[in-house]
């Protein structure tokens, strides 16, 4: 089975488009179509249904996709294992990270890494933590530095690096900012802007209100914390943000008896042979581990 044809099949399945698959593989659309036709001929099955401009996996395509991932992952794993034998820190490091961590935690580490290991080609993708988790799970990223899920199941391994305290925040002129005593009941009556329902941060905050029998008045949501901060700063809503983001634009609401935090760290796949580059970057992350803030 030709590996180039398998790569084309995976690219089409993931992008849902022959042209986008071509862009990913740096091929023309006809070249991608030719590779898929060759694979379908070799397997004597149709892998995609083409309905107008829409394409979808056939039953055979759905059966092949996880096996195609497995075949390419085994090949990549073998290459890494052989490359690691010489102890050289080189090649490509595929790293996924959330936008927030990429902006607020990683820059000094990436600077040190690139200066110490100039032969490594960094492939960094900025994704929501939940999507980055899937990238590692399916072998499309070697490491991911993300907000860790409350529970992580094998074959994904999670390593905590930072404790990230979360605070209730509002604009300085918000009515809640004028109160000297604030309860969760008070906060729940005002409009809120929350991280998306699919995010780990949303679940942490929402669980707190559920435990008190309360439901926050969420009027809008977005996965980008910087956008949430902007919405809070103009005074239309309160939210929950990492303490590292607090400045003169938003103020912290102290709520007696309430402490929220999330854990930041990195994940890897237990069945994947990590490259020397990945091991070197993991070493930098471990050195950066700090105790919980304030």
Protein backbone atom coordinates (compact mmCIF):
# COMPACT_ATOMS: atom_id res chain seq x y z
CA UNK A 1 0.00 0.00 0.00
CA UNK A 2 1.58 3.28 -1.12
CA UNK A 3 2.17 5.66 1.79
CA UNK A 4 1.80 8.78 -0.35
CA UNK A 5 -1.64 7.59 -1.42
CA UNK A 6 -2.59 6.95 2.21
CA UNK A 7 -1.45 10.45 3.16
CA UNK A 8 -3.63 11.90 0.40
CA UNK A 9 -6.61 9.85 1.62
CA UNK A 10 -6.15 11.14 5.20
CA UNK A 11 -5.78 14.75 4.03
CA UNK A 12 -9.01 14.55 2.01
CA UNK A 13 -10.86 12.96 4.93
CA UNK A 14 -9.68 15.61 7.39
CA UNK A 15 -10.21 18.66 5.18
CA UNK A 16 -13.31 17.44 3.32
CA UNK A 17 -11.86 18.90 0.15
CA UNK A 18 -9.52 17.80 -2.65
CA UNK A 19 -8.22 21.35 -3.10
CA UNK A 20 -7.54 21.86 0.63
CA UNK A 21 -5.87 18.46 0.79
CA UNK A 22 -3.66 19.57 -2.11
CA UNK A 23 -2.70 22.75 -0.25
CA UNK A 24 -1.77 20.73 2.83
CA UNK A 25 0.33 18.29 0.80
CA UNK A 26 1.74 20.93 -1.56
CA UNK A 27 0.20 19.14 -4.54
CA UNK A 28 -2.18 20.14 -7.30
CA UNK A 29 -5.80 19.02 -7.02
CA UNK A 30 -5.43 16.61 -10.00
CA UNK A 31 -2.39 15.03 -8.30
CA UNK A 32 -4.42 14.44 -5.14
CA UNK A 33 -7.28 12.94 -7.16
CA UNK A 34 -4.80 10.66 -8.95
CA UNK A 35 -3.39 9.38 -5.67
CA UNK A 36 -6.85 8.66 -4.31
CA UNK A 37 -7.86 6.89 -7.54
CA UNK A 38 -4.74 4.75 -7.31
CA UNK A 39 -5.54 3.78 -3.71
CA UNK A 40 -9.17 2.98 -4.55
CA UNK A 41 -7.99 0.86 -7.50
CA UNK A 42 -5.50 -0.99 -5.34
CA UNK A 43 -8.10 -1.73 -2.65
CA UNK A 44 -10.92 -2.30 -5.16
CA UNK A 45 -13.31 -0.13 -3.10
CA UNK A 46 -14.73 3.38 -3.30
CA UNK A 47 -13.51 5.48 -0.36
CA UNK A 48 -15.52 8.68 -0.87
CA UNK A 49 -18.99 9.51 -2.12
CA UNK A 50 -19.02 12.63 -4.27
CA UNK A 51 -22.37 14.45 -4.19
CA UNK A 52 -21.97 17.66 -6.13
CA UNK A 53 -19.31 19.65 -4.33
CA UNK A 54 -19.73 17.66 -1.14
CA UNK A 55 -17.66 14.57 -0.36
CA UNK A 56 -18.10 12.08 2.45
CA UNK A 57 -16.46 8.85 3.51
CA UNK A 58 -18.06 5.62 2.39
CA UNK A 59 -18.35 2.71 4.80
CA UNK A 60 -15.05 1.39 3.41
CA UNK A 61 -13.47 4.83 3.87
CA UNK A 62 -14.61 5.00 7.48
CA UNK A 63 -13.12 1.56 8.09
CA UNK A 64 -9.82 2.51 6.46
CA UNK A 65 -9.28 5.86 8.21
CA UNK A 66 -8.22 4.60 11.69
CA UNK A 67 -6.04 1.94 10.05
CA UNK A 68 -4.42 4.55 7.82
CA UNK A 69 -3.56 6.62 10.90
CA UNK A 70 -2.12 3.51 12.54
CA UNK A 71 0.05 2.64 9.53
CA UNK A 72 1.53 6.13 9.23
CA UNK A 73 2.01 6.43 13.00
CA UNK A 74 3.93 3.14 13.12
CA UNK A 75 6.18 4.34 10.30
CA UNK A 76 6.80 7.69 12.01
CA UNK A 77 7.46 5.91 15.30
CA UNK A 78 10.04 3.66 13.62
CA UNK A 79 11.79 6.64 12.06
CA UNK A 80 11.97 8.43 15.42
CA UNK A 81 13.29 5.34 17.21
CA UNK A 82 16.10 4.95 14.68
CA UNK A 83 16.93 8.67 14.66
CA UNK A 84 17.06 8.73 18.45
CA UNK A 85 19.90 6.18 18.44
CA UNK A 86 22.48 8.79 17.52
CA UNK A 87 21.40 11.12 20.33
CA UNK A 88 21.09 14.06 17.96
CA UNK A 89 18.41 16.66 18.74
CA UNK A 90 17.18 17.52 15.27
CA UNK A 91 14.31 16.95 12.84
CA UNK A 92 10.77 18.20 13.32
CA UNK A 93 8.92 18.70 16.59
CA UNK A 94 5.15 18.85 16.08
CA UNK A 95 3.77 20.88 18.98
CA UNK A 96 0.16 21.90 19.64
CA UNK A 97 -0.74 24.54 22.21
CA UNK A 98 -3.66 26.73 23.23
CA UNK A 99 -3.67 30.39 22.23
CA UNK A 100 -3.52 31.54 25.86
CA UNK A 101 -0.56 29.34 26.84
CA UNK A 102 1.18 30.17 23.58
CA UNK A 103 0.93 33.88 24.41
CA UNK A 104 1.49 33.89 28.16
CA UNK A 105 3.61 30.86 29.08
CA UNK A 106 5.60 29.49 26.17
CA UNK A 107 7.55 32.40 24.58
CA UNK A 108 10.58 32.27 26.96
CA UNK A 109 10.71 28.47 26.74
CA UNK A 110 10.50 28.49 22.95
CA UNK A 111 13.24 31.12 22.83
CA UNK A 112 15.54 28.95 24.95
CA UNK A 113 14.70 25.84 22.96
CA UNK A 114 15.34 27.34 19.53
CA UNK A 115 18.65 28.82 20.68
CA UNK A 116 19.83 25.54 22.19
CA UNK A 117 18.54 23.26 19.41
CA UNK A 118 18.87 25.17 16.16
CA UNK A 119 18.61 21.97 14.08
CA UNK A 120 15.02 21.34 15.21
CA UNK A 121 12.22 22.51 12.93
CA UNK A 122 9.33 23.61 15.15
CA UNK A 123 5.85 22.94 13.79
CA UNK A 124 3.60 24.85 16.20
CA UNK A 125 -0.19 24.78 15.90
CA UNK A 126 -2.41 27.07 17.99
CA UNK A 127 -5.58 25.19 18.85
CA UNK A 128 -8.20 24.96 21.57
CA UNK A 129 -6.94 22.65 24.32
CA UNK A 130 -9.66 20.12 23.57
CA UNK A 131 -8.68 19.94 19.88
CA UNK A 132 -4.97 19.77 20.76
CA UNK A 133 -5.80 16.77 22.95
CA UNK A 134 -7.29 15.03 19.91
CA UNK A 135 -4.20 15.89 17.84
CA UNK A 136 -1.99 13.99 20.30
CA UNK A 137 -4.48 11.15 20.67
CA UNK A 138 -4.54 10.54 16.91
CA UNK A 139 -0.81 11.00 16.41
CA UNK A 140 -0.93 14.31 14.54
CA UNK A 141 1.09 16.12 17.22
CA UNK A 142 3.93 14.77 19.32
CA UNK A 143 3.26 17.00 22.32
CA UNK A 144 0.54 19.44 23.35
CA UNK A 145 0.87 22.15 26.01
CA UNK A 146 -2.68 22.82 27.13
CA UNK A 147 -5.23 23.29 29.88
CA UNK A 148 -5.39 19.78 31.28
CA UNK A 149 -8.67 17.91 31.46
CA UNK A 150 -9.95 17.03 34.96
CA UNK A 151 -9.25 13.40 34.05
CA UNK A 152 -6.99 12.01 31.34
CA UNK A 153 -7.32 8.41 30.21
CA UNK A 154 -4.72 6.15 28.54
CA UNK A 155 -3.17 6.15 26.01
CA UNK A 156 -2.80 9.90 26.66
CA UNK A 157 -0.45 10.84 29.49
CA UNK A 158 -0.77 14.21 31.26
CA UNK A 159 1.92 16.09 33.19
CA UNK A 160 1.05 19.12 35.31
CA UNK A 161 3.44 22.06 35.00
CA UNK A 162 1.57 25.14 36.25
CA UNK A 163 -1.38 25.78 38.56
CA UNK A 164 -3.38 28.61 37.00
CA UNK A 165 -5.66 30.46 39.48
CA UNK A 166 -8.92 31.80 38.06
CA UNK A 167 -10.73 34.93 39.25
CA UNK A 168 -14.18 36.44 38.78
CA UNK A 169 -13.60 39.71 36.92
CA UNK A 170 -15.58 42.79 35.88
CA UNK A 171 -14.86 46.25 34.50
CA UNK A 172 -13.94 48.83 37.19
CA UNK A 173 -17.27 50.65 36.64
CA UNK A 174 -19.43 47.50 36.81
CA UNK A 175 -22.07 47.50 39.60
CA UNK A 176 -20.48 44.42 41.20
CA UNK A 177 -17.16 46.26 41.50
CA UNK A 178 -18.83 48.80 43.79
CA UNK A 179 -19.92 46.22 46.38
CA UNK A 180 -17.86 45.40 49.44
CA UNK A 181 -19.41 41.96 49.99
CA UNK A 182 -20.14 39.67 47.04
CA UNK A 183 -21.66 36.19 46.88
CA UNK A 184 -22.10 33.70 44.05
CA UNK A 185 -25.82 34.43 44.23
CA UNK A 186 -25.07 38.10 43.49
CA UNK A 187 -22.81 37.28 40.57
CA UNK A 188 -25.30 34.83 39.04
CA UNK A 189 -27.92 37.56 38.59
CA UNK A 190 -25.72 39.62 36.22
CA UNK A 191 -24.97 38.80 32.55
CA UNK A 192 -21.84 36.73 31.96
CA UNK A 193 -19.57 35.92 29.04
CA UNK A 194 -18.08 32.43 29.34
CA UNK A 195 -15.56 30.25 27.55
CA UNK A 196 -17.28 27.87 25.11
CA UNK A 197 -19.22 24.93 26.53
CA UNK A 198 -16.69 22.48 25.07
CA UNK A 199 -13.78 23.96 27.03
CA UNK A 200 -12.24 22.66 30.24
CA UNK A 201 -12.34 26.18 31.75
CA UNK A 202 -16.10 26.43 31.15
CA UNK A 203 -16.69 23.14 32.98
CA UNK A 204 -14.61 24.27 35.97
CA UNK A 205 -16.59 27.50 36.40
CA UNK A 206 -20.00 26.00 35.62
CA UNK A 207 -19.47 23.17 38.11
CA UNK A 208 -18.96 25.70 40.91
CA UNK A 209 -22.40 27.23 40.32
CA UNK A 210 -24.06 23.83 39.94
CA UNK A 211 -22.72 22.77 43.33
CA UNK A 212 -24.51 25.77 44.85
CA UNK A 213 -27.72 25.12 42.93
CA UNK A 214 -27.17 28.21 40.80
CA UNK A 215 -27.15 28.86 37.07
CA UNK A 216 -25.00 31.68 35.71
CA UNK A 217 -26.67 34.09 33.28
CA UNK A 218 -24.43 33.34 30.29
CA UNK A 219 -25.40 35.68 27.43
CA UNK A 220 -22.49 34.90 25.09
CA UNK A 221 -19.47 32.63 24.82
CA UNK A 222 -16.19 32.35 22.94
CA UNK A 223 -13.14 30.14 23.21
CA UNK A 224 -10.69 33.08 23.07
CA UNK A 225 -9.83 34.42 26.52
CA UNK A 226 -8.48 37.68 25.08
CA UNK A 227 -11.88 38.30 23.49
CA UNK A 228 -13.62 37.54 26.78
CA UNK A 229 -11.36 40.04 28.55
CA UNK A 230 -12.27 42.70 25.99
CA UNK A 231 -16.00 42.07 26.47
CA UNK A 232 -15.61 42.28 30.23
CA UNK A 233 -13.52 45.47 30.03
CA UNK A 234 -16.29 47.38 28.25
CA UNK A 235 -18.64 46.65 31.13
CA UNK A 236 -21.31 44.45 29.55
CA UNK A 237 -20.64 41.25 31.52
CA UNK A 238 -18.55 39.49 34.14
CA UNK A 239 -16.46 36.40 33.52
CA UNK A 240 -13.82 34.04 34.91
CA UNK A 241 -10.25 34.64 33.69
CA UNK A 242 -6.76 33.45 34.61
CA UNK A 243 -5.15 35.70 37.20
CA UNK A 244 -2.21 36.25 34.85
CA UNK A 245 -4.52 38.28 32.57
CA UNK A 246 -5.62 40.81 35.19
CA UNK A 247 -4.59 44.46 34.72
CA UNK A 248 -6.17 47.92 34.94
CA UNK A 249 -8.85 46.96 32.38
CA UNK A 250 -10.57 44.44 34.66
CA UNK A 251 -10.82 44.06 38.43
CA UNK A 252 -11.00 40.95 40.55
CA UNK A 253 -14.15 40.16 42.52
CA UNK A 254 -13.20 38.52 45.82
CA UNK A 255 -15.81 35.90 46.72
CA UNK A 256 -15.38 34.55 50.27
CA UNK A 257 -14.79 30.81 50.40
CA UNK A 258 -14.37 30.42 46.63
CA UNK A 259 -11.08 29.45 44.99
CA UNK A 260 -10.96 28.41 41.36
CA UNK A 261 -7.96 27.10 39.44
CA UNK A 262 -7.13 25.05 36.41
CA UNK A 263 -4.04 23.01 35.68
CA UNK A 264 -1.76 23.68 32.73
CA UNK A 265 0.73 21.16 31.43
CA UNK A 266 1.62 18.92 28.55
CA UNK A 267 0.33 15.64 27.18
CA UNK A 268 1.89 12.88 25.10
CA UNK A 269 0.85 9.49 23.72
CA UNK A 270 2.03 6.49 25.78
CA UNK A 271 2.40 4.27 22.70
CA UNK A 272 4.45 6.77 20.69
CA UNK A 273 8.25 6.86 20.67
CA UNK A 274 9.14 10.46 21.46
CA UNK A 275 11.85 12.16 19.44
CA UNK A 276 14.96 13.55 21.10
CA UNK A 277 13.57 17.00 20.28
CA UNK A 278 10.35 16.25 22.19
CA UNK A 279 12.33 14.92 25.17
CA UNK A 280 14.46 18.07 25.20
CA UNK A 281 11.38 20.30 25.16
CA UNK A 282 9.77 18.24 27.93
CA UNK A 283 12.90 18.85 30.00
CA UNK A 284 12.49 22.61 29.61
CA UNK A 285 8.84 22.36 30.62
CA UNK A 286 9.73 20.41 33.76
CA UNK A 287 12.31 23.07 34.68
CA UNK A 288 9.59 25.72 34.29
CA UNK A 289 7.21 24.00 36.71
CA UNK A 290 6.28 26.40 39.53
CA UNK A 291 4.13 26.08 42.66
CA UNK A 292 0.57 27.38 42.72
CA UNK A 293 0.30 31.16 42.55
CA UNK A 294 -1.09 33.25 45.40
